[in-house]
Amino acid sequence: MKTMDQSRLEAVGQFLTRIDADIACGALNAAGIEAVVAADDAAGTRPHLWLSGVRILVRAEDVEQAMEILRAAETASDQIVQDAAATTTEEKIEEE
């Protein structure tokens, strides 16, 4: 397997904040895919430079698997939000 510096890197995701990108990068790393966050923010000292988004890069040969993992994570996140909203609504109805 090639190391990250020997491979062509491709973007698999673009996020509004570095925090979101770090979380997604962690999910990829936990799944065994080397990933790095690419943010043009002067090493974190200029977060206002995130206007173009914060990207996650992986090896070209890992793109497909990385995209699947990110889609699954997004689906799970959406389900958590929906469940939380439903629980809150149910609690409000019970209080009334």
PDB file of N, CA and C in Angstrom:
ATOM      1  N   MET A   1       0.840  -1.181   0.000  1.00  0.00           N
ATOM      2  CA  MET A   1       0.000   0.000   0.000  1.00  0.00           C
ATOM      3  C   MET A   1       0.891   1.253   0.000  1.00  0.00           C
ATOM      4  N   LYS A   2       0.539   2.205  -0.795  1.00  0.00           N
ATOM      5  CA  LYS A   2       1.292   3.448  -0.866  1.00  0.00           C
ATOM      6  C   LYS A   2       1.005   4.313   0.361  1.00  0.00           C
ATOM      7  N   THR A   3       1.993   5.107   0.745  1.00  0.00           N
ATOM      8  CA  THR A   3       1.753   6.060   1.820  1.00  0.00           C
ATOM      9  C   THR A   3       1.042   7.276   1.237  1.00  0.00           C
ATOM     10  N   MET A   4       0.492   8.087   2.121  1.00  0.00           N
ATOM     11  CA  MET A   4      -0.257   9.263   1.667  1.00  0.00           C
ATOM     12  C   MET A   4       0.598  10.165   0.772  1.00  0.00           C
ATOM     13  N   ASP A   5       1.877  10.311   1.099  1.00  0.00           N
ATOM     14  CA  ASP A   5       2.706  11.217   0.313  1.00  0.00           C
ATOM     15  C   ASP A   5       3.128  10.627  -1.031  1.00  0.00           C
ATOM     16  N   GLN A   6       2.889   9.340  -1.245  1.00  0.00           N
ATOM     17  CA  GLN A   6       3.222   8.714  -2.522  1.00  0.00           C
ATOM     18  C   GLN A   6       2.000   8.568  -3.421  1.00  0.00           C
ATOM     19  N   SER A   7       0.845   8.920  -2.935  1.00  0.00           N
ATOM     20  CA  SER A   7      -0.394   8.714  -3.670  1.00  0.00           C
ATOM     21  C   SER A   7      -0.985  10.031  -4.148  1.00  0.00           C
ATOM     22  N   ARG A   8      -1.805   9.912  -5.154  1.00  0.00           N
ATOM     23  CA  ARG A   8      -2.596  11.056  -5.589  1.00  0.00           C
ATOM     24  C   ARG A   8      -3.769  11.169  -4.618  1.00  0.00           C
ATOM     25  N   LEU A   9      -3.996  12.352  -4.073  1.00  0.00           N
ATOM     26  CA  LEU A   9      -5.073  12.556  -3.118  1.00  0.00           C
ATOM     27  C   LEU A   9      -6.269  13.198  -3.805  1.00  0.00           C
ATOM     28  N   GLU A  10      -7.453  12.782  -3.363  1.00  0.00           N
ATOM     29  CA  GLU A  10      -8.689  13.346  -3.904  1.00  0.00           C
ATOM     30  C   GLU A  10      -9.596  13.749  -2.760  1.00  0.00           C
ATOM     31  N   ALA A  11     -10.351  14.809  -2.993  1.00  0.00           N
ATOM     32  CA  ALA A  11     -11.306  15.288  -1.991  1.00  0.00           C
ATOM     33  C   ALA A  11     -12.544  14.400  -1.996  1.00  0.00           C
ATOM     34  N   VAL A  12     -12.984  14.005  -0.793  1.00  0.00           N
ATOM     35  CA  VAL A  12     -14.194  13.187  -0.675  1.00  0.00           C
ATOM     36  C   VAL A  12     -15.299  13.921   0.083  1.00  0.00           C
ATOM     37  N   GLY A  13     -14.986  15.061   0.623  1.00  0.00           N
ATOM     38  CA  GLY A  13     -16.003  15.812   1.338  1.00  0.00           C
ATOM     39  C   GLY A  13     -15.565  17.242   1.549  1.00  0.00           C
ATOM     40  N   GLN A  14     -16.544  18.116   1.651  1.00  0.00           N
ATOM     41  CA  GLN A  14     -16.282  19.518   1.939  1.00  0.00           C
ATOM     42  C   GLN A  14     -17.246  19.940   3.034  1.00  0.00           C
ATOM     43  N   PHE A  15     -16.718  20.566   4.073  1.00  0.00           N
ATOM     44  CA  PHE A  15     -17.493  20.894   5.253  1.00  0.00           C
ATOM     45  C   PHE A  15     -17.415  22.379   5.553  1.00  0.00           C
ATOM     46  N   LEU A  16     -18.402  22.878   6.276  1.00  0.00           N
ATOM     47  CA  LEU A  16     -18.441  24.299   6.603  1.00  0.00           C
ATOM     48  C   LEU A  16     -17.428  24.676   7.675  1.00  0.00           C
ATOM     49  N   THR A  17     -17.123  23.740   8.591  1.00  0.00           N
ATOM     50  CA  THR A  17     -16.178  24.040   9.662  1.00  0.00           C
ATOM     51  C   THR A  17     -15.120  22.955   9.768  1.00  0.00           C
ATOM     52  N   ARG A  18     -14.021  23.320  10.370  1.00  0.00           N
ATOM     53  CA  ARG A  18     -12.949  22.342  10.582  1.00  0.00           C
ATOM     54  C   ARG A  18     -13.403  21.268  11.565  1.00  0.00           C
ATOM     55  N   ILE A  19     -14.234  21.637  12.518  1.00  0.00           N
ATOM     56  CA  ILE A  19     -14.722  20.663  13.499  1.00  0.00           C
ATOM     57  C   ILE A  19     -15.483  19.544  12.795  1.00  0.00           C
ATOM     58  N   ASP A  20     -16.398  19.899  11.897  1.00  0.00           N
ATOM     59  CA  ASP A  20     -17.148  18.886  11.147  1.00  0.00           C
ATOM     60  C   ASP A  20     -16.208  18.021  10.310  1.00  0.00           C
ATOM     61  N   ALA A  21     -15.229  18.654   9.692  1.00  0.00           N
ATOM     62  CA  ALA A  21     -14.270  17.903   8.872  1.00  0.00           C
ATOM     63  C   ALA A  21     -13.431  16.962   9.731  1.00  0.00           C
ATOM     64  N   ASP A  22     -13.029  17.415  10.921  1.00  0.00           N
ATOM     65  CA  ASP A  22     -12.251  16.561  11.821  1.00  0.00           C
ATOM     66  C   ASP A  22     -13.052  15.341  12.262  1.00  0.00           C
ATOM     67  N   ILE A  23     -14.345  15.535  12.530  1.00  0.00           N
ATOM     68  CA  ILE A  23     -15.197  14.411  12.930  1.00  0.00           C
ATOM     69  C   ILE A  23     -15.298  13.393  11.789  1.00  0.00           C
ATOM     70  N   ALA A  24     -15.544  13.874  10.586  1.00  0.00           N
ATOM     71  CA  ALA A  24     -15.644  12.986   9.431  1.00  0.00           C
ATOM     72  C   ALA A  24     -14.308  12.299   9.155  1.00  0.00           C
ATOM     73  N   CYS A  25     -13.232  13.024   9.299  1.00  0.00           N
ATOM     74  CA  CYS A  25     -11.895  12.448   9.092  1.00  0.00           C
ATOM     75  C   CYS A  25     -11.649  11.347  10.123  1.00  0.00           C
ATOM     76  N   GLY A  26     -12.075  11.562  11.349  1.00  0.00           N
ATOM     77  CA  GLY A  26     -11.940  10.555  12.392  1.00  0.00           C
ATOM     78  C   GLY A  26     -12.717   9.294  12.064  1.00  0.00           C
ATOM     79  N   ALA A  27     -13.914   9.457  11.489  1.00  0.00           N
ATOM     80  CA  ALA A  27     -14.715   8.294  11.091  1.00  0.00           C
ATOM     81  C   ALA A  27     -13.994   7.494  10.017  1.00  0.00           C
ATOM     82  N   LEU A  28     -13.386   8.181   9.069  1.00  0.00           N
ATOM     83  CA  LEU A  28     -12.641   7.485   8.015  1.00  0.00           C
ATOM     84  C   LEU A  28     -11.418   6.774   8.587  1.00  0.00           C
ATOM     85  N   ASN A  29     -10.687   7.464   9.446  1.00  0.00           N
ATOM     86  CA  ASN A  29      -9.504   6.849  10.062  1.00  0.00           C
ATOM     87  C   ASN A  29      -9.902   5.624  10.885  1.00  0.00           C
ATOM     88  N   ALA A  30     -11.023   5.712  11.602  1.00  0.00           N
ATOM     89  CA  ALA A  30     -11.492   4.575  12.406  1.00  0.00           C
ATOM     90  C   ALA A  30     -11.855   3.381  11.523  1.00  0.00           C
ATOM     91  N   ALA A  31     -12.267   3.663  10.293  1.00  0.00           N
ATOM     92  CA  ALA A  31     -12.605   2.592   9.346  1.00  0.00           C
ATOM     93  C   ALA A  31     -11.384   2.077   8.601  1.00  0.00           C
ATOM     94  N   GLY A  32     -10.214   2.602   8.940  1.00  0.00           N
ATOM     95  CA  GLY A  32      -8.982   2.119   8.324  1.00  0.00           C
ATOM     96  C   GLY A  32      -8.579   2.849   7.059  1.00  0.00           C
ATOM     97  N   ILE A  33      -9.212   3.988   6.795  1.00  0.00           N
ATOM     98  CA  ILE A  33      -8.863   4.777   5.612  1.00  0.00           C
ATOM     99  C   ILE A  33      -8.068   5.993   6.067  1.00  0.00           C
ATOM    100  N   GLU A  34      -6.846   6.112   5.559  1.00  0.00           N
ATOM    101  CA  GLU A  34      -6.063   7.302   5.885  1.00  0.00           C
ATOM    102  C   GLU A  34      -6.712   8.510   5.235  1.00  0.00           C
ATOM    103  N   ALA A  35      -6.938   9.536   6.041  1.00  0.00           N
ATOM    104  CA  ALA A  35      -7.562  10.748   5.545  1.00  0.00           C
ATOM    105  C   ALA A  35      -6.919  11.938   6.229  1.00  0.00           C
ATOM    106  N   VAL A  36      -6.902  13.060   5.537  1.00  0.00           N
ATOM    107  CA  VAL A  36      -6.363  14.295   6.109  1.00  0.00           C
ATOM    108  C   VAL A  36      -7.340  15.431   5.845  1.00  0.00           C
ATOM    109  N   VAL A  37      -7.316  16.390   6.765  1.00  0.00           N
ATOM    110  CA  VAL A  37      -8.142  17.582   6.614  1.00  0.00           C
ATOM    111  C   VAL A  37      -7.300  18.635   5.909  1.00  0.00           C
ATOM    112  N   ALA A  38      -7.875  19.238   4.884  1.00  0.00           N
ATOM    113  CA  ALA A  38      -7.182  20.296   4.144  1.00  0.00           C
ATOM    114  C   ALA A  38      -7.974  21.587   4.306  1.00  0.00           C
ATOM    115  N   ALA A  39      -7.432  22.480   5.112  1.00  0.00           N
ATOM    116  CA  ALA A  39      -8.095  23.757   5.357  1.00  0.00           C
ATOM    117  C   ALA A  39      -7.093  24.877   5.093  1.00  0.00           C
ATOM    118  N   ASP A  40      -7.459  25.799   4.261  1.00  0.00           N
ATOM    119  CA  ASP A  40      -6.601  26.932   3.967  1.00  0.00           C
ATOM    120  C   ASP A  40      -6.895  28.032   4.988  1.00  0.00           C
ATOM    121  N   ASP A  41      -6.445  27.766   6.246  1.00  0.00           N
ATOM    122  CA  ASP A  41      -6.781  28.676   7.335  1.00  0.00           C
ATOM    123  C   ASP A  41      -5.559  29.108   8.153  1.00  0.00           C
ATOM    124  N   ALA A  42      -4.398  29.112   7.545  1.00  0.00           N
ATOM    125  CA  ALA A  42      -3.158  29.518   8.204  1.00  0.00           C
ATOM    126  C   ALA A  42      -2.945  28.743   9.500  1.00  0.00           C
ATOM    127  N   ALA A  43      -3.010  27.413   9.385  1.00  0.00           N
ATOM    128  CA  ALA A  43      -2.796  26.506  10.524  1.00  0.00           C
ATOM    129  C   ALA A  43      -3.779  26.753  11.662  1.00  0.00           C
ATOM    130  N   GLY A  44      -4.993  27.101  11.315  1.00  0.00           N
ATOM    131  CA  GLY A  44      -6.042  27.288  12.306  1.00  0.00           C
ATOM    132  C   GLY A  44      -6.116  28.678  12.911  1.00  0.00           C
ATOM    133  N   THR A  45      -5.201  29.560  12.537  1.00  0.00           N
ATOM    134  CA  THR A  45      -5.195  30.903  13.122  1.00  0.00           C
ATOM    135  C   THR A  45      -6.124  31.878  12.407  1.00  0.00           C
ATOM    136  N   ARG A  46      -6.603  31.492  11.238  1.00  0.00           N
ATOM    137  CA  ARG A  46      -7.488  32.352  10.454  1.00  0.00           C
ATOM    138  C   ARG A  46      -8.722  31.574   9.994  1.00  0.00           C
ATOM    139  N   PRO A  47      -9.599  31.188  10.925  1.00  0.00           N
ATOM    140  CA  PRO A  47     -10.762  30.379  10.529  1.00  0.00           C
ATOM    141  C   PRO A  47     -11.704  31.086   9.561  1.00  0.00           C
ATOM    142  N   HIS A  48     -11.642  32.395   9.480  1.00  0.00           N
ATOM    143  CA  HIS A  48     -12.502  33.113   8.529  1.00  0.00           C
ATOM    144  C   HIS A  48     -12.134  32.778   7.077  1.00  0.00           C
ATOM    145  N   LEU A  49     -10.993  32.159   6.865  1.00  0.00           N
ATOM    146  CA  LEU A  49     -10.596  31.763   5.516  1.00  0.00           C
ATOM    147  C   LEU A  49     -11.297  30.491   5.059  1.00  0.00           C
ATOM    148  N   TRP A  50     -12.178  29.910   5.906  1.00  0.00           N
ATOM    149  CA  TRP A  50     -12.915  28.706   5.554  1.00  0.00           C
ATOM    150  C   TRP A  50     -14.008  28.971   4.534  1.00  0.00           C
ATOM    151  N   LEU A  51     -14.084  30.153   4.011  1.00  0.00           N
ATOM    152  CA  LEU A  51     -15.169  30.508   3.091  1.00  0.00           C
ATOM    153  C   LEU A  51     -15.328  29.505   1.959  1.00  0.00           C
ATOM    154  N   SER A  52     -14.236  28.910   1.536  1.00  0.00           N
ATOM    155  CA  SER A  52     -14.324  27.921   0.454  1.00  0.00           C
ATOM    156  C   SER A  52     -14.557  26.519   0.989  1.00  0.00           C
ATOM    157  N   GLY A  53     -14.691  26.376   2.301  1.00  0.00           N
ATOM    158  CA  GLY A  53     -14.948  25.077   2.912  1.00  0.00           C
ATOM    159  C   GLY A  53     -13.672  24.387   3.341  1.00  0.00           C
ATOM    160  N   VAL A  54     -13.851  23.362   4.143  1.00  0.00           N
ATOM    161  CA  VAL A  54     -12.748  22.558   4.643  1.00  0.00           C
ATOM    162  C   VAL A  54     -12.906  21.171   4.017  1.00  0.00           C
ATOM    163  N   ARG A  55     -11.862  20.708   3.350  1.00  0.00           N
ATOM    164  CA  ARG A  55     -11.958  19.448   2.598  1.00  0.00           C
ATOM    165  C   ARG A  55     -11.289  18.293   3.334  1.00  0.00           C
ATOM    166  N   ILE A  56     -11.753  17.092   3.007  1.00  0.00           N
ATOM    167  CA  ILE A  56     -11.098  15.865   3.467  1.00  0.00           C
ATOM    168  C   ILE A  56     -10.504  15.191   2.233  1.00  0.00           C
ATOM    169  N   LEU A  57      -9.238  14.818   2.350  1.00  0.00           N
ATOM    170  CA  LEU A  57      -8.531  14.165   1.250  1.00  0.00           C
ATOM    171  C   LEU A  57      -8.184  12.728   1.619  1.00  0.00           C
ATOM    172  N   VAL A  58      -8.340  11.836   0.650  1.00  0.00           N
ATOM    173  CA  VAL A  58      -7.949  10.427   0.806  1.00  0.00           C
ATOM    174  C   VAL A  58      -7.201  10.002  -0.452  1.00  0.00           C
ATOM    175  N   ARG A  59      -6.556   8.839  -0.380  1.00  0.00           N
ATOM    176  CA  ARG A  59      -5.900   8.295  -1.576  1.00  0.00           C
ATOM    177  C   ARG A  59      -6.942   8.042  -2.652  1.00  0.00           C
ATOM    178  N   ALA A  60      -6.545   8.174  -3.897  1.00  0.00           N
ATOM    179  CA  ALA A  60      -7.464   7.957  -5.022  1.00  0.00           C
ATOM    180  C   ALA A  60      -8.099   6.576  -4.961  1.00  0.00           C
ATOM    181  N   GLU A  61      -7.337   5.566  -4.552  1.00  0.00           N
ATOM    182  CA  GLU A  61      -7.885   4.204  -4.511  1.00  0.00           C
ATOM    183  C   GLU A  61      -8.872   3.991  -3.354  1.00  0.00           C
ATOM    184  N   ASP A  62      -8.952   4.934  -2.415  1.00  0.00           N
ATOM    185  CA  ASP A  62      -9.873   4.813  -1.278  1.00  0.00           C
ATOM    186  C   ASP A  62     -11.137   5.665  -1.424  1.00  0.00           C
ATOM    187  N   VAL A  63     -11.266   6.395  -2.518  1.00  0.00           N
ATOM    188  CA  VAL A  63     -12.374   7.342  -2.677  1.00  0.00           C
ATOM    189  C   VAL A  63     -13.736   6.670  -2.539  1.00  0.00           C
ATOM    190  N   GLU A  64     -13.943   5.586  -3.240  1.00  0.00           N
ATOM    191  CA  GLU A  64     -15.258   4.941  -3.239  1.00  0.00           C
ATOM    192  C   GLU A  64     -15.671   4.496  -1.838  1.00  0.00           C
ATOM    193  N   GLN A  65     -14.767   3.817  -1.144  1.00  0.00           N
ATOM    194  CA  GLN A  65     -15.067   3.336   0.204  1.00  0.00           C
ATOM    195  C   GLN A  65     -15.264   4.516   1.161  1.00  0.00           C
ATOM    196  N   ALA A  66     -14.464   5.544   1.021  1.00  0.00           N
ATOM    197  CA  ALA A  66     -14.597   6.722   1.888  1.00  0.00           C
ATOM    198  C   ALA A  66     -15.949   7.399   1.689  1.00  0.00           C
ATOM    199  N   MET A  67     -16.385   7.511   0.446  1.00  0.00           N
ATOM    200  CA  MET A  67     -17.688   8.124   0.164  1.00  0.00           C
ATOM    201  C   MET A  67     -18.816   7.314   0.795  1.00  0.00           C
ATOM    202  N   GLU A  68     -18.726   5.994   0.738  1.00  0.00           N
ATOM    203  CA  GLU A  68     -19.742   5.131   1.354  1.00  0.00           C
ATOM    204  C   GLU A  68     -19.799   5.368   2.861  1.00  0.00           C
ATOM    205  N   ILE A  69     -18.655   5.455   3.488  1.00  0.00           N
ATOM    206  CA  ILE A  69     -18.599   5.668   4.938  1.00  0.00           C
ATOM    207  C   ILE A  69     -19.177   7.025   5.299  1.00  0.00           C
ATOM    208  N   LEU A  70     -18.825   8.057   4.545  1.00  0.00           N
ATOM    209  CA  LEU A  70     -19.347   9.398   4.836  1.00  0.00           C
ATOM    210  C   LEU A  70     -20.854   9.468   4.621  1.00  0.00           C
ATOM    211  N   ARG A  71     -21.357   8.795   3.586  1.00  0.00           N
ATOM    212  CA  ARG A  71     -22.816   8.765   3.359  1.00  0.00           C
ATOM    213  C   ARG A  71     -23.520   8.057   4.514  1.00  0.00           C
ATOM    214  N   ALA A  72     -22.958   6.940   4.965  1.00  0.00           N
ATOM    215  CA  ALA A  72     -23.559   6.203   6.084  1.00  0.00           C
ATOM    216  C   ALA A  72     -23.545   7.042   7.355  1.00  0.00           C
ATOM    217  N   ALA A  73     -22.465   7.762   7.592  1.00  0.00           N
ATOM    218  CA  ALA A  73     -22.372   8.619   8.780  1.00  0.00           C
ATOM    219  C   ALA A  73     -23.388   9.753   8.707  1.00  0.00           C
ATOM    220  N   GLU A  74     -23.575  10.314   7.521  1.00  0.00           N
ATOM    221  CA  GLU A  74     -24.552  11.401   7.355  1.00  0.00           C
ATOM    222  C   GLU A  74     -25.969  10.883   7.587  1.00  0.00           C
ATOM    223  N   THR A  75     -26.270   9.707   7.086  1.00  0.00           N
ATOM    224  CA  THR A  75     -27.587   9.103   7.286  1.00  0.00           C
ATOM    225  C   THR A  75     -27.833   8.852   8.768  1.00  0.00           C
ATOM    226  N   ALA A  76     -26.830   8.319   9.460  1.00  0.00           N
ATOM    227  CA  ALA A  76     -26.961   8.054  10.897  1.00  0.00           C
ATOM    228  C   ALA A  76     -27.154   9.354  11.670  1.00  0.00           C
ATOM    229  N   SER A  77     -26.424  10.380  11.300  1.00  0.00           N
ATOM    230  CA  SER A  77     -26.546  11.683  11.953  1.00  0.00           C
ATOM    231  C   SER A  77     -27.936  12.266  11.747  1.00  0.00           C
ATOM    232  N   ASP A  78     -28.444  12.171  10.527  1.00  0.00           N
ATOM    233  CA  ASP A  78     -29.795  12.666  10.235  1.00  0.00           C
ATOM    234  C   ASP A  78     -30.832  11.927  11.066  1.00  0.00           C
ATOM    235  N   GLN A  79     -30.662  10.611  11.243  1.00  0.00           N
ATOM    236  CA  GLN A  79     -31.604   9.815  12.023  1.00  0.00           C
ATOM    237  C   GLN A  79     -31.571  10.226  13.488  1.00  0.00           C
ATOM    238  N   ILE A  80     -30.405  10.509  14.016  1.00  0.00           N
ATOM    239  CA  ILE A  80     -30.277  10.949  15.406  1.00  0.00           C
ATOM    240  C   ILE A  80     -31.018  12.265  15.610  1.00  0.00           C
ATOM    241  N   VAL A  81     -30.860  13.191  14.680  1.00  0.00           N
ATOM    242  CA  VAL A  81     -31.549  14.482  14.771  1.00  0.00           C
ATOM    243  C   VAL A  81     -33.058  14.286  14.708  1.00  0.00           C
ATOM    244  N   GLN A  82     -33.530  13.451  13.797  1.00  0.00           N
ATOM    245  CA  GLN A  82     -34.966  13.189  13.680  1.00  0.00           C
ATOM    246  C   GLN A  82     -35.508  12.545  14.946  1.00  0.00           C
ATOM    247  N   ASP A  83     -34.788  11.582  15.511  1.00  0.00           N
ATOM    248  CA  ASP A  83     -35.219  10.925  16.734  1.00  0.00           C
ATOM    249  C   ASP A  83     -35.285  11.915  17.893  1.00  0.00           C
ATOM    250  N   ALA A  84     -34.290  12.781  17.981  1.00  0.00           N
ATOM    251  CA  ALA A  84     -34.272  13.778  19.049  1.00  0.00           C
ATOM    252  C   ALA A  84     -35.442  14.745  18.901  1.00  0.00           C
ATOM    253  N   ALA A  85     -35.736  15.161  17.675  1.00  0.00           N
ATOM    254  CA  ALA A  85     -36.861  16.071  17.433  1.00  0.00           C
ATOM    255  C   ALA A  85     -38.175  15.398  17.788  1.00  0.00           C
ATOM    256  N   ALA A  86     -38.324  14.132  17.443  1.00  0.00           N
ATOM    257  CA  ALA A  86     -39.555  13.395  17.747  1.00  0.00           C
ATOM    258  C   ALA A  86     -39.724  13.239  19.253  1.00  0.00           C
ATOM    259  N   THR A  87     -38.643  12.950  19.958  1.00  0.00           N
ATOM    260  CA  THR A  87     -38.695  12.803  21.417  1.00  0.00           C
ATOM    261  C   THR A  87     -39.089  14.113  22.075  1.00  0.00           C
ATOM    262  N   THR A  88     -38.502  15.209  21.611  1.00  0.00           N
ATOM    263  CA  THR A  88     -38.829  16.521  22.158  1.00  0.00           C
ATOM    264  C   THR A  88     -40.299  16.852  21.922  1.00  0.00           C
ATOM    265  N   THR A  89     -40.805  16.576  20.742  1.00  0.00           N
ATOM    266  CA  THR A  89     -42.206  16.824  20.420  1.00  0.00           C
ATOM    267  C   THR A  89     -43.121  15.982  21.304  1.00  0.00           C
ATOM    268  N   GLU A  90     -42.782  14.714  21.497  1.00  0.00           N
ATOM    269  CA  GLU A  90     -43.582  13.829  22.346  1.00  0.00           C
ATOM    270  C   GLU A  90     -43.589  14.328  23.791  1.00  0.00           C
ATOM    271  N   GLU A  91     -42.444  14.802  24.283  1.00  0.00           N
ATOM    272  CA  GLU A  91     -42.356  15.309  25.647  1.00  0.00           C
ATOM    273  C   GLU A  91     -43.217  16.556  25.824  1.00  0.00           C
ATOM    274  N   LYS A  92     -43.235  17.420  24.815  1.00  0.00           N
ATOM    275  CA  LYS A  92     -44.062  18.633  24.890  1.00  0.00           C
ATOM    276  C   LYS A  92     -45.537  18.277  24.901  1.00  0.00           C
ATOM    277  N   ILE A  93     -45.927  17.294  24.112  1.00  0.00           N
ATOM    278  CA  ILE A  93     -47.341  16.872  24.046  1.00  0.00           C
ATOM    279  C   ILE A  93     -47.753  16.283  25.400  1.00  0.00           C
ATOM    280  N   GLU A  94     -46.882  15.481  26.022  1.00  0.00           N
ATOM    281  CA  GLU A  94     -47.176  14.883  27.310  1.00  0.00           C
ATOM    282  C   GLU A  94     -47.300  15.930  28.396  1.00  0.00           C
ATOM    283  N   GLU A  95     -46.525  17.010  28.309  1.00  0.00           N
ATOM    284  CA  GLU A  95     -46.575  18.082  29.301  1.00  0.00           C
ATOM    285  C   GLU A  95     -47.884  18.858  29.227  1.00  0.00           C
ATOM    286  N   GLU A  96     -48.464  18.923  28.059  1.00  0.00           N
ATOM    287  CA  GLU A  96     -49.694  19.702  27.874  1.00  0.00           C
ATOM    288  C   GLU A  96     -50.818  18.908  28.377  1.00  0.00           C
TER     289      GLU A  96
END
